[in-house]
Structure formats: structure tokens, C-alpha cells
N, C-alpha and C. Protein backbone atom coordinates (compact mmCIF):
# COMPACT_ATOMS: atom_id res chain seq x y z
N MET A 1 114.45 57.34 56.67
CA MET A 1 115.34 58.00 55.74
C MET A 1 115.54 59.44 56.21
N GLN A 2 116.60 60.00 55.77
CA GLN A 2 116.94 61.36 56.15
C GLN A 2 116.03 62.39 55.45
N SER A 3 115.83 62.21 54.14
CA SER A 3 115.02 63.18 53.40
C SER A 3 114.22 62.47 52.32
N GLU A 4 113.26 63.18 51.79
CA GLU A 4 112.43 62.62 50.72
C GLU A 4 113.27 62.36 49.48
N GLN A 5 114.24 63.22 49.22
CA GLN A 5 115.11 63.05 48.05
C GLN A 5 115.94 61.76 48.18
N GLU A 6 116.49 61.51 49.36
CA GLU A 6 117.26 60.28 49.58
C GLU A 6 116.37 59.04 49.44
N PHE A 7 115.16 59.13 49.96
CA PHE A 7 114.21 58.02 49.84
C PHE A 7 113.90 57.75 48.37
N ASN A 8 113.59 58.79 47.61
CA ASN A 8 113.27 58.62 46.20
C ASN A 8 114.43 58.01 45.43
N LEU A 9 115.63 58.43 45.75
CA LEU A 9 116.83 57.88 45.11
C LEU A 9 116.99 56.39 45.46
N ALA A 10 116.76 56.05 46.71
CA ALA A 10 116.87 54.65 47.14
C ALA A 10 115.80 53.79 46.47
N VAL A 11 114.60 54.31 46.36
CA VAL A 11 113.51 53.57 45.70
C VAL A 11 113.86 53.36 44.23
N GLU A 12 114.33 54.40 43.59
CA GLU A 12 114.71 54.31 42.18
C GLU A 12 115.79 53.25 41.97
N GLN A 13 116.74 53.21 42.89
CA GLN A 13 117.89 52.33 42.74
C GLN A 13 117.59 50.89 43.15
N TYR A 14 116.75 50.66 44.16
CA TYR A 14 116.63 49.33 44.75
C TYR A 14 115.24 48.68 44.67
N LEU A 15 114.23 49.38 44.21
CA LEU A 15 112.89 48.79 44.19
C LEU A 15 112.84 47.54 43.32
N ASN A 16 113.47 47.55 42.17
CA ASN A 16 113.46 46.37 41.31
C ASN A 16 114.12 45.18 41.98
N MET A 17 115.22 45.41 42.69
CA MET A 17 115.90 44.32 43.40
C MET A 17 114.98 43.74 44.48
N VAL A 18 114.34 44.60 45.25
CA VAL A 18 113.43 44.16 46.31
C VAL A 18 112.28 43.36 45.70
N TYR A 19 111.72 43.87 44.63
CA TYR A 19 110.61 43.20 43.96
C TYR A 19 111.03 41.82 43.43
N ARG A 20 112.21 41.73 42.82
CA ARG A 20 112.68 40.45 42.28
C ARG A 20 112.93 39.43 43.39
N ILE A 21 113.46 39.86 44.52
CA ILE A 21 113.66 38.94 45.64
C ILE A 21 112.31 38.42 46.12
N ALA A 22 111.35 39.32 46.27
CA ALA A 22 110.01 38.92 46.73
C ALA A 22 109.33 38.02 45.70
N LEU A 23 109.52 38.31 44.42
CA LEU A 23 108.93 37.48 43.37
C LEU A 23 109.53 36.07 43.42
N ASN A 24 110.81 35.98 43.66
CA ASN A 24 111.44 34.68 43.80
C ASN A 24 110.97 33.96 45.05
N TRP A 25 110.67 34.70 46.08
CA TRP A 25 110.20 34.08 47.32
C TRP A 25 108.80 33.50 47.14
N PHE A 26 107.91 34.33 46.59
CA PHE A 26 106.50 33.94 46.50
C PHE A 26 106.12 33.26 45.19
N GLY A 27 106.75 33.64 44.10
CA GLY A 27 106.34 33.13 42.80
C GLY A 27 105.04 33.76 42.33
N SER A 28 104.65 34.85 42.95
CA SER A 28 103.40 35.53 42.64
C SER A 28 103.66 37.02 42.50
N VAL A 29 103.23 37.58 41.39
CA VAL A 29 103.43 39.01 41.15
C VAL A 29 102.74 39.86 42.21
N HIS A 30 101.52 39.48 42.56
CA HIS A 30 100.75 40.28 43.52
C HIS A 30 101.37 40.24 44.92
N ASP A 31 101.80 39.07 45.35
CA ASP A 31 102.45 38.97 46.66
C ASP A 31 103.78 39.72 46.66
N ALA A 32 104.49 39.64 45.55
CA ALA A 32 105.77 40.35 45.44
C ALA A 32 105.56 41.86 45.51
N GLU A 33 104.51 42.34 44.87
CA GLU A 33 104.20 43.77 44.93
C GLU A 33 103.86 44.19 46.36
N ASP A 34 103.09 43.37 47.06
CA ASP A 34 102.74 43.68 48.46
C ASP A 34 103.99 43.74 49.32
N ALA A 35 104.88 42.76 49.14
CA ALA A 35 106.10 42.71 49.94
C ALA A 35 106.99 43.92 49.63
N ALA A 36 107.14 44.24 48.35
CA ALA A 36 107.98 45.38 47.97
C ALA A 36 107.43 46.68 48.55
N GLN A 37 106.12 46.81 48.53
CA GLN A 37 105.50 48.01 49.09
C GLN A 37 105.77 48.09 50.60
N GLU A 38 105.66 46.98 51.29
CA GLU A 38 105.91 46.96 52.74
C GLU A 38 107.37 47.30 53.04
N VAL A 39 108.29 46.78 52.24
CA VAL A 39 109.72 47.07 52.44
C VAL A 39 109.99 48.56 52.25
N MET A 40 109.41 49.14 51.21
CA MET A 40 109.63 50.57 50.97
C MET A 40 108.99 51.42 52.06
N LEU A 41 107.88 50.97 52.60
CA LEU A 41 107.25 51.68 53.72
C LEU A 41 108.18 51.63 54.94
N ARG A 42 108.77 50.49 55.19
CA ARG A 42 109.71 50.38 56.32
C ARG A 42 110.96 51.24 56.09
N LEU A 43 111.39 51.34 54.84
CA LEU A 43 112.53 52.21 54.53
C LEU A 43 112.15 53.67 54.82
N TRP A 44 110.95 54.07 54.43
CA TRP A 44 110.49 55.44 54.67
C TRP A 44 110.44 55.74 56.16
N LYS A 45 109.98 54.75 56.96
CA LYS A 45 109.85 54.95 58.40
C LYS A 45 111.18 54.84 59.14
N ASN A 46 112.19 54.27 58.51
CA ASN A 46 113.48 54.07 59.16
C ASN A 46 114.13 55.41 59.48
N THR A 47 114.49 55.61 60.74
CA THR A 47 115.08 56.88 61.15
C THR A 47 116.60 56.80 61.28
N SER A 48 117.14 55.59 61.29
CA SER A 48 118.60 55.48 61.39
C SER A 48 119.22 55.69 60.02
N GLY A 49 120.39 56.26 60.02
CA GLY A 49 121.08 56.51 58.75
C GLY A 49 121.82 55.27 58.28
N PHE A 50 122.23 55.29 57.04
CA PHE A 50 122.98 54.19 56.47
C PHE A 50 124.40 54.66 56.20
N GLU A 51 125.34 53.75 56.38
CA GLU A 51 126.75 54.10 56.24
C GLU A 51 127.19 54.18 54.78
N GLY A 52 126.36 53.75 53.88
CA GLY A 52 126.67 53.81 52.46
C GLY A 52 125.70 52.95 51.68
N ASP A 53 125.92 52.88 50.37
CA ASP A 53 125.03 52.10 49.51
C ASP A 53 125.06 50.62 49.86
N ALA A 54 126.22 50.09 50.19
CA ALA A 54 126.31 48.66 50.52
C ALA A 54 125.50 48.34 51.78
N HIS A 55 125.56 49.22 52.76
CA HIS A 55 124.80 49.04 54.00
C HIS A 55 123.30 49.11 53.72
N LEU A 56 122.88 50.08 52.91
CA LEU A 56 121.47 50.22 52.55
C LEU A 56 120.99 49.00 51.77
N ARG A 57 121.79 48.53 50.82
CA ARG A 57 121.42 47.37 50.00
C ARG A 57 121.25 46.13 50.88
N HIS A 58 122.21 45.92 51.77
CA HIS A 58 122.14 44.77 52.68
C HIS A 58 120.91 44.87 53.58
N TRP A 59 120.64 46.06 54.09
CA TRP A 59 119.47 46.27 54.95
C TRP A 59 118.19 45.94 54.18
N LEU A 60 118.11 46.41 52.94
CA LEU A 60 116.91 46.16 52.14
C LEU A 60 116.72 44.68 51.85
N VAL A 61 117.78 43.96 51.56
CA VAL A 61 117.67 42.52 51.31
C VAL A 61 117.19 41.82 52.58
N ARG A 62 117.78 42.15 53.70
CA ARG A 62 117.41 41.52 54.97
C ARG A 62 115.94 41.82 55.31
N VAL A 63 115.52 43.07 55.15
CA VAL A 63 114.14 43.44 55.44
C VAL A 63 113.19 42.75 54.46
N THR A 64 113.58 42.65 53.20
CA THR A 64 112.74 41.97 52.20
C THR A 64 112.52 40.52 52.60
N ILE A 65 113.57 39.84 53.00
CA ILE A 65 113.44 38.44 53.41
C ILE A 65 112.54 38.33 54.64
N ASN A 66 112.71 39.23 55.60
CA ASN A 66 111.87 39.20 56.80
C ASN A 66 110.40 39.48 56.47
N VAL A 67 110.16 40.44 55.59
CA VAL A 67 108.78 40.75 55.18
C VAL A 67 108.17 39.55 54.47
N CYS A 68 108.94 38.91 53.60
CA CYS A 68 108.44 37.73 52.90
C CYS A 68 108.11 36.61 53.88
N LYS A 69 108.95 36.41 54.87
CA LYS A 69 108.66 35.40 55.90
C LYS A 69 107.38 35.74 56.65
N ASP A 70 107.25 37.01 57.03
CA ASP A 70 106.05 37.45 57.76
C ASP A 70 104.79 37.24 56.93
N LEU A 71 104.84 37.65 55.67
CA LEU A 71 103.67 37.49 54.81
C LEU A 71 103.37 36.03 54.54
N SER A 72 104.40 35.19 54.52
CA SER A 72 104.19 33.75 54.29
C SER A 72 103.43 33.10 55.44
N ARG A 73 103.55 33.66 56.63
CA ARG A 73 102.88 33.10 57.80
C ARG A 73 101.43 33.57 57.94
N ALA A 74 101.02 34.49 57.11
CA ALA A 74 99.66 35.04 57.22
C ALA A 74 98.63 33.95 56.95
N PRO A 75 97.53 33.94 57.70
CA PRO A 75 96.50 32.91 57.54
C PRO A 75 95.91 32.84 56.13
N TRP A 76 95.78 33.96 55.46
CA TRP A 76 95.18 33.95 54.13
C TRP A 76 96.05 33.24 53.12
N ARG A 77 97.35 33.04 53.43
CA ARG A 77 98.25 32.33 52.51
C ARG A 77 97.85 30.87 52.36
N LEU A 78 97.09 30.34 53.31
CA LEU A 78 96.65 28.96 53.23
C LEU A 78 95.68 28.75 52.08
N HIS A 79 95.09 29.83 51.59
CA HIS A 79 94.09 29.73 50.54
C HIS A 79 94.61 30.27 49.21
N SER A 80 95.90 30.16 48.98
CA SER A 80 96.47 30.69 47.74
C SER A 80 96.42 29.65 46.63
N VAL A 81 96.56 30.11 45.41
CA VAL A 81 96.54 29.26 44.23
C VAL A 81 97.96 28.78 43.94
N PRO A 82 98.16 27.48 43.69
CA PRO A 82 99.50 27.02 43.34
C PRO A 82 100.01 27.70 42.08
N LEU A 83 101.32 27.87 42.00
CA LEU A 83 101.93 28.58 40.88
C LEU A 83 101.58 27.93 39.55
N ALA A 84 101.48 26.62 39.52
CA ALA A 84 101.19 25.92 38.27
C ALA A 84 99.81 26.30 37.72
N GLN A 85 98.87 26.69 38.59
CA GLN A 85 97.53 27.05 38.16
C GLN A 85 97.38 28.55 37.87
N ALA A 86 98.37 29.33 38.24
CA ALA A 86 98.29 30.77 38.06
C ALA A 86 98.54 31.12 36.59
N PRO A 87 97.96 32.22 36.10
CA PRO A 87 98.23 32.63 34.73
C PRO A 87 99.68 33.06 34.59
N PRO A 88 100.30 32.80 33.43
CA PRO A 88 101.71 33.16 33.26
C PRO A 88 101.92 34.67 33.31
N GLN A 89 103.00 35.09 33.94
CA GLN A 89 103.35 36.50 34.04
C GLN A 89 104.73 36.69 33.41
N PRO A 90 104.86 37.55 32.41
CA PRO A 90 106.17 37.75 31.80
C PRO A 90 107.14 38.42 32.77
N CYS A 91 108.35 37.87 32.87
CA CYS A 91 109.37 38.42 33.77
C CYS A 91 110.63 38.83 33.04
N ALA A 92 110.75 38.45 31.78
CA ALA A 92 111.95 38.76 31.01
C ALA A 92 111.55 39.17 29.60
N ASP A 93 112.46 39.88 28.93
CA ASP A 93 112.17 40.37 27.60
C ASP A 93 112.35 39.29 26.53
N GLU A 94 113.38 38.48 26.66
CA GLU A 94 113.68 37.47 25.65
C GLU A 94 112.97 36.16 25.98
N PRO A 95 112.49 35.44 24.96
CA PRO A 95 111.78 34.18 25.21
C PRO A 95 112.63 33.14 25.93
N GLU A 96 113.94 33.06 25.60
CA GLU A 96 114.82 32.09 26.26
C GLU A 96 114.99 32.44 27.74
N ALA A 97 115.18 33.72 28.01
CA ALA A 97 115.33 34.17 29.40
C ALA A 97 114.02 33.96 30.16
N GLN A 98 112.89 34.18 29.49
CA GLN A 98 111.59 33.96 30.12
C GLN A 98 111.41 32.50 30.50
N ALA A 99 111.86 31.60 29.63
CA ALA A 99 111.76 30.16 29.92
C ALA A 99 112.58 29.79 31.14
N VAL A 100 113.77 30.37 31.27
CA VAL A 100 114.63 30.09 32.43
C VAL A 100 113.98 30.64 33.70
N VAL A 101 113.44 31.86 33.62
CA VAL A 101 112.77 32.47 34.78
C VAL A 101 111.59 31.61 35.22
N GLU A 102 110.80 31.13 34.26
CA GLU A 102 109.66 30.29 34.60
C GLU A 102 110.10 28.99 35.28
N GLU A 103 111.19 28.41 34.83
CA GLU A 103 111.70 27.19 35.45
C GLU A 103 112.24 27.48 36.85
N ILE A 104 112.89 28.62 37.02
CA ILE A 104 113.39 29.00 38.35
C ILE A 104 112.22 29.17 39.31
N LEU A 105 111.14 29.78 38.85
CA LEU A 105 109.97 29.99 39.71
C LEU A 105 109.27 28.68 40.07
N ARG A 106 109.54 27.62 39.33
CA ARG A 106 108.95 26.32 39.66
C ARG A 106 109.76 25.57 40.72
N LEU A 107 110.97 26.04 40.99
CA LEU A 107 111.78 25.41 42.02
C LEU A 107 111.16 25.66 43.39
N PRO A 108 111.39 24.76 44.34
CA PRO A 108 110.94 25.03 45.72
C PRO A 108 111.63 26.29 46.26
N LYS A 109 110.93 27.01 47.13
CA LYS A 109 111.42 28.27 47.67
C LYS A 109 112.81 28.15 48.29
N LYS A 110 113.06 27.05 48.98
CA LYS A 110 114.35 26.91 49.67
C LYS A 110 115.51 26.85 48.69
N TYR A 111 115.24 26.51 47.42
CA TYR A 111 116.28 26.52 46.40
C TYR A 111 116.24 27.80 45.57
N ARG A 112 115.05 28.29 45.32
CA ARG A 112 114.83 29.43 44.44
C ARG A 112 115.48 30.71 44.99
N VAL A 113 115.29 30.99 46.27
CA VAL A 113 115.78 32.24 46.85
C VAL A 113 117.30 32.29 46.90
N PRO A 114 118.00 31.26 47.41
CA PRO A 114 119.46 31.33 47.38
C PRO A 114 120.02 31.41 45.96
N LEU A 115 119.40 30.70 45.03
CA LEU A 115 119.85 30.74 43.64
C LEU A 115 119.75 32.15 43.08
N TYR A 116 118.64 32.81 43.35
CA TYR A 116 118.46 34.17 42.88
C TYR A 116 119.48 35.12 43.52
N LEU A 117 119.63 35.05 44.83
CA LEU A 117 120.56 35.95 45.52
C LEU A 117 122.00 35.74 45.04
N TYR A 118 122.35 34.49 44.75
CA TYR A 118 123.72 34.19 44.33
C TYR A 118 123.97 34.64 42.88
N HIS A 119 123.11 34.23 41.98
CA HIS A 119 123.37 34.46 40.56
C HIS A 119 122.90 35.82 40.04
N TYR A 120 121.83 36.35 40.59
CA TYR A 120 121.30 37.60 40.06
C TYR A 120 121.69 38.81 40.88
N GLU A 121 121.84 38.66 42.19
CA GLU A 121 122.21 39.79 43.04
C GLU A 121 123.69 39.79 43.41
N GLY A 122 124.40 38.71 43.13
CA GLY A 122 125.84 38.67 43.33
C GLY A 122 126.30 38.48 44.76
N TYR A 123 125.45 37.96 45.62
CA TYR A 123 125.86 37.72 47.00
C TYR A 123 126.67 36.44 47.08
N SER A 124 127.61 36.41 48.02
CA SER A 124 128.42 35.21 48.24
C SER A 124 127.63 34.22 49.11
N VAL A 125 128.13 33.00 49.17
CA VAL A 125 127.48 31.97 50.00
C VAL A 125 127.44 32.43 51.46
N ARG A 126 128.52 33.01 51.92
CA ARG A 126 128.59 33.49 53.31
C ARG A 126 127.55 34.57 53.56
N GLU A 127 127.42 35.51 52.61
CA GLU A 127 126.43 36.59 52.77
C GLU A 127 125.00 36.05 52.73
N ILE A 128 124.75 35.09 51.84
CA ILE A 128 123.41 34.50 51.75
C ILE A 128 123.09 33.76 53.03
N SER A 129 124.07 33.05 53.58
CA SER A 129 123.82 32.31 54.82
C SER A 129 123.47 33.27 55.95
N ALA A 130 124.10 34.44 55.97
CA ALA A 130 123.77 35.43 57.00
C ALA A 130 122.37 36.01 56.76
N LEU A 131 122.04 36.28 55.50
CA LEU A 131 120.73 36.86 55.18
C LEU A 131 119.59 35.90 55.49
N LEU A 132 119.80 34.61 55.17
CA LEU A 132 118.74 33.62 55.37
C LEU A 132 118.85 32.90 56.71
N LYS A 133 119.87 33.27 57.47
CA LYS A 133 120.11 32.66 58.78
C LYS A 133 120.20 31.13 58.68
N ALA A 134 121.08 30.69 57.79
CA ALA A 134 121.32 29.26 57.58
C ALA A 134 122.84 29.06 57.51
N ASN A 135 123.27 27.83 57.73
CA ASN A 135 124.69 27.52 57.65
C ASN A 135 125.19 27.67 56.21
N PRO A 136 126.44 28.11 56.03
CA PRO A 136 126.99 28.20 54.67
C PRO A 136 126.95 26.86 53.92
N SER A 137 127.18 25.76 54.64
CA SER A 137 127.12 24.45 53.98
C SER A 137 125.71 24.15 53.49
N THR A 138 124.70 24.60 54.22
CA THR A 138 123.32 24.42 53.80
C THR A 138 123.06 25.21 52.52
N ILE A 139 123.56 26.43 52.46
CA ILE A 139 123.39 27.27 51.27
C ILE A 139 124.10 26.65 50.08
N ARG A 140 125.32 26.15 50.26
CA ARG A 140 126.04 25.50 49.16
C ARG A 140 125.27 24.29 48.65
N THR A 141 124.72 23.50 49.58
CA THR A 141 123.94 22.33 49.19
C THR A 141 122.69 22.74 48.42
N ARG A 142 122.01 23.77 48.90
CA ARG A 142 120.79 24.23 48.23
C ARG A 142 121.10 24.78 46.84
N LEU A 143 122.21 25.50 46.72
CA LEU A 143 122.60 26.01 45.40
C LEU A 143 122.91 24.86 44.44
N SER A 144 123.62 23.88 44.93
CA SER A 144 123.97 22.72 44.10
C SER A 144 122.71 21.98 43.66
N ARG A 145 121.82 21.73 44.61
CA ARG A 145 120.57 21.03 44.28
C ARG A 145 119.69 21.86 43.35
N ALA A 146 119.67 23.17 43.56
CA ALA A 146 118.87 24.04 42.70
C ALA A 146 119.39 23.98 41.27
N ARG A 147 120.71 24.01 41.10
CA ARG A 147 121.29 23.94 39.76
C ARG A 147 120.95 22.61 39.09
N GLU A 148 121.04 21.53 39.86
CA GLU A 148 120.72 20.21 39.31
C GLU A 148 119.24 20.12 38.91
N LEU A 149 118.36 20.60 39.77
CA LEU A 149 116.93 20.60 39.45
C LEU A 149 116.64 21.46 38.23
N LEU A 150 117.26 22.63 38.18
CA LEU A 150 117.04 23.53 37.06
C LEU A 150 117.56 22.91 35.77
N LYS A 151 118.72 22.29 35.84
CA LYS A 151 119.29 21.63 34.66
C LYS A 151 118.35 20.52 34.18
N HIS A 152 117.84 19.74 35.11
CA HIS A 152 116.93 18.65 34.77
C HIS A 152 115.64 19.20 34.15
N GLN A 153 115.10 20.27 34.73
CA GLN A 153 113.86 20.86 34.22
C GLN A 153 114.07 21.43 32.81
N LEU A 154 115.21 22.09 32.59
CA LEU A 154 115.47 22.70 31.29
C LEU A 154 115.71 21.62 30.22
N GLU A 155 116.33 20.51 30.60
CA GLU A 155 116.56 19.43 29.65
C GLU A 155 115.24 18.76 29.25
N GLU A 156 114.31 18.67 30.18
CA GLU A 156 113.00 18.08 29.89
C GLU A 156 112.19 18.99 28.97
N GLY A 157 112.31 20.30 29.19
CA GLY A 157 111.52 21.26 28.42
C GLY A 157 112.15 21.49 27.10
């Protein structure tokens, strides 16, 4: 970053987005916090400038996904607790919204992350395919399947 003031402004503006992406990736508050901290550290160390808010936002999403992938490959991840056994963590203020968030977190990662990026962060299928390095048709299929799974889960609950 150019200055401490710019860094603080970027953290204020984008930390929640980074954290939510990581939370959707891992389904764990603690892992999401670790990933968000690593992303912000990389932002602090970044010496290249950004062309604007859109460029910074895109960079942060891409770095967040890369950090999540890196942390997912760590050997200690083999000894993690499944989400179903973890204590519930509130993610939303309203009970109905909390129920939806809990069902989204139960989806497989390959469906959960594109669904979050599309519906909550407003990225297009093309942008998500570039961020996740997957074909647009793959992203459309994953979004469709995620919606069907989510619909089925919500109808059962």
C-alpha cells in the first residue's frame, strides 16, 4: 500500500468481504479469521498501486481465494473437525437469515463459494470463472446445483 491511511481505509472497506469469502470457503470462523489476517498482511506488503476501488476489490478477492487454497493444503487441515460437529456460530442478525446462512455453509465448497460470490458480492459468472479459474459453464452448473441443493435443504428444514 502507498500509506498507512490508505491501508486503514482499505481494511475498513473490505475486511468484512474478505472474511465472508473465507468463511464461505472454510465454514470455520477461526480459519476464516486466519485467512483474512493473511490477506490483509499481503495487502500491507503490496508495493504496487491500485488503479481504483474496483481493481483493489478484485485483487483482494483473488488473493483471498488463493490464501484459502493455500491454507486448505496445509497438513494440519487433515485433522480438522467437520462443520456438523462444530459449535454453531451466529453469522446473521435475523433468525431466518441465520438459517439460510447455516444451510449455505452446509453446501460443498465447490457450490458454496460461487454462490456467495454471485449473490452476496455481486460478481458475474464470467468474473467468478476468472477468480476461481474455472470455465463459465462450470460456474453456471455449480450455481444451478447449489440453488437446487439449498432449496432442497430449506424445504426439509
